[in-house]
């Protein structure tokens, strides 16, 4: 079973994404902060990371930079409510950038693209 590390500080997003992704057959591990994501990166060894940008402490852009330093091969999908971050050159290190919405079809399609 493919492992996804879901990094988001919102409980409701964690719950929704976890349910949807587990229904798709993935194992989902959670982190609420960028710091926690870095800790879990080596323990979990995820096949893919879904990463929020706007989080307390270390934001998703900094977490992305550090994740890619540790494991440049792991695909990262940035998922944010803020479309303006898409213009940030630092976000280009991610494989995908998805704007959060209630419809998870785009997110699930991106996950399937990297975890066939």
Protein backbone atom coordinates (compact mmCIF):
# COMPACT_ATOMS: atom_id res chain seq x y z
CA UNK A 1 0.00 0.00 0.00
CA UNK A 2 1.35 3.44 -0.94
CA UNK A 3 1.96 5.86 1.96
CA UNK A 4 0.97 9.51 1.94
CA UNK A 5 2.14 12.08 4.48
CA UNK A 6 -0.62 14.67 4.85
CA UNK A 7 0.62 17.94 6.35
CA UNK A 8 -2.09 20.43 7.31
CA UNK A 9 -2.88 22.29 10.53
CA UNK A 10 -6.67 22.16 10.05
CA UNK A 11 -8.43 19.20 11.69
CA UNK A 12 -11.32 19.34 9.21
CA UNK A 13 -8.96 19.11 6.22
CA UNK A 14 -7.05 16.27 7.87
CA UNK A 15 -10.28 14.33 8.41
CA UNK A 16 -11.71 14.96 4.92
CA UNK A 17 -8.51 14.20 3.01
CA UNK A 18 -7.73 11.15 5.15
CA UNK A 19 -11.18 9.63 4.50
CA UNK A 20 -11.03 10.31 0.76
CA UNK A 21 -7.47 9.05 0.33
CA UNK A 22 -7.99 5.93 2.44
CA UNK A 23 -11.05 5.13 0.29
CA UNK A 24 -8.69 5.29 -2.70
CA UNK A 25 -6.53 2.62 -1.03
CA UNK A 26 -3.69 4.71 0.41
CA UNK A 27 -2.24 4.65 3.92
CA UNK A 28 -2.34 8.20 5.31
CA UNK A 29 0.01 9.53 7.99
CA UNK A 30 -0.64 12.98 9.43
CA UNK A 31 1.45 15.93 10.53
CA UNK A 32 0.04 19.24 11.77
CA UNK A 33 3.18 21.39 11.26
CA UNK A 34 6.19 21.63 9.00
CA UNK A 35 8.43 20.60 11.88
CA UNK A 36 6.34 17.49 12.53
CA UNK A 37 6.43 16.66 8.81
CA UNK A 38 10.24 16.68 8.85
CA UNK A 39 10.25 14.38 11.88
CA UNK A 40 7.85 11.94 10.19
CA UNK A 41 9.60 12.09 6.82
CA UNK A 42 12.34 9.70 7.91
CA UNK A 43 10.11 7.53 10.15
CA UNK A 44 7.28 7.04 7.65
CA UNK A 45 9.27 7.22 4.38
CA UNK A 46 6.19 8.37 2.43
CA UNK A 47 5.67 7.75 -1.27
CA UNK A 48 4.05 11.20 -1.61
CA UNK A 49 3.50 14.30 0.53
CA UNK A 50 0.48 16.62 0.47
CA UNK A 51 1.61 19.88 2.02
CA UNK A 52 -0.34 22.94 3.14
CA UNK A 53 1.45 26.28 2.89
CA UNK A 54 -0.09 28.51 5.54
CA UNK A 55 0.74 26.83 8.86
CA UNK A 56 1.99 28.14 12.21
CA UNK A 57 5.74 27.90 12.80
CA UNK A 58 7.51 26.60 9.72
CA UNK A 59 5.35 27.33 6.68
CA UNK A 60 4.88 24.92 3.80
CA UNK A 61 7.34 26.68 1.48
CA UNK A 62 10.16 26.29 4.03
CA UNK A 63 9.07 22.70 4.77
CA UNK A 64 9.11 21.96 1.03
CA UNK A 65 12.67 23.28 0.73
CA UNK A 66 13.84 21.13 3.63
CA UNK A 67 11.94 18.03 2.46
CA UNK A 68 13.61 18.29 -0.96
CA UNK A 69 17.03 18.62 0.71
CA UNK A 70 16.39 15.39 2.66
CA UNK A 71 14.63 13.42 -0.07
CA UNK A 72 14.56 15.12 -3.48
CA UNK A 73 12.79 12.13 -5.07
CA UNK A 74 9.60 12.24 -2.99
CA UNK A 75 6.76 13.94 -4.90
CA UNK A 76 5.17 16.87 -3.07
CA UNK A 77 1.74 18.30 -3.84
CA UNK A 78 1.27 21.78 -2.42
CA UNK A 79 -2.34 22.30 -1.45
CA UNK A 80 -3.35 25.77 -0.34
CA UNK A 81 -6.41 27.95 -0.06
CA UNK A 82 -4.30 30.81 -1.39
CA UNK A 83 -3.77 30.85 -5.14
CA UNK A 84 -1.23 33.70 -4.93
CA UNK A 85 1.45 31.33 -3.59
CA UNK A 86 1.43 29.68 -7.03
CA UNK A 87 3.44 32.67 -8.26
CA UNK A 88 6.11 32.14 -5.57
CA UNK A 89 9.17 30.67 -7.28
CA UNK A 90 9.86 28.53 -4.20
CA UNK A 91 6.57 26.68 -4.78
CA UNK A 92 7.89 25.52 -8.17
CA UNK A 93 9.97 22.86 -6.38
CA UNK A 94 6.73 20.96 -5.84
CA UNK A 95 5.34 18.56 -8.43
CA UNK A 96 1.83 20.05 -8.28
CA UNK A 97 0.07 23.08 -6.83
CA UNK A 98 -3.61 22.65 -6.07
CA UNK A 99 -5.98 25.25 -4.66
CA UNK A 100 -8.09 23.74 -1.86
CA UNK A 101 -11.75 23.22 -2.58
CA UNK A 102 -14.59 20.99 -1.42
CA UNK A 103 -14.22 19.01 -4.66
CA UNK A 104 -11.24 16.68 -4.21
CA UNK A 105 -11.20 15.34 -7.77
CA UNK A 106 -8.19 17.46 -8.77
CA UNK A 107 -6.25 16.39 -5.68
CA UNK A 108 -7.07 12.71 -6.17
CA UNK A 109 -6.10 12.90 -9.85
CA UNK A 110 -2.74 14.45 -8.89
CA UNK A 111 -2.15 11.72 -6.29
CA UNK A 112 -2.95 9.00 -8.84
CA UNK A 113 -0.54 10.66 -11.29
CA UNK A 114 2.38 10.19 -8.89
CA UNK A 115 1.20 6.98 -7.23
CA UNK A 116 -0.16 4.88 -10.09
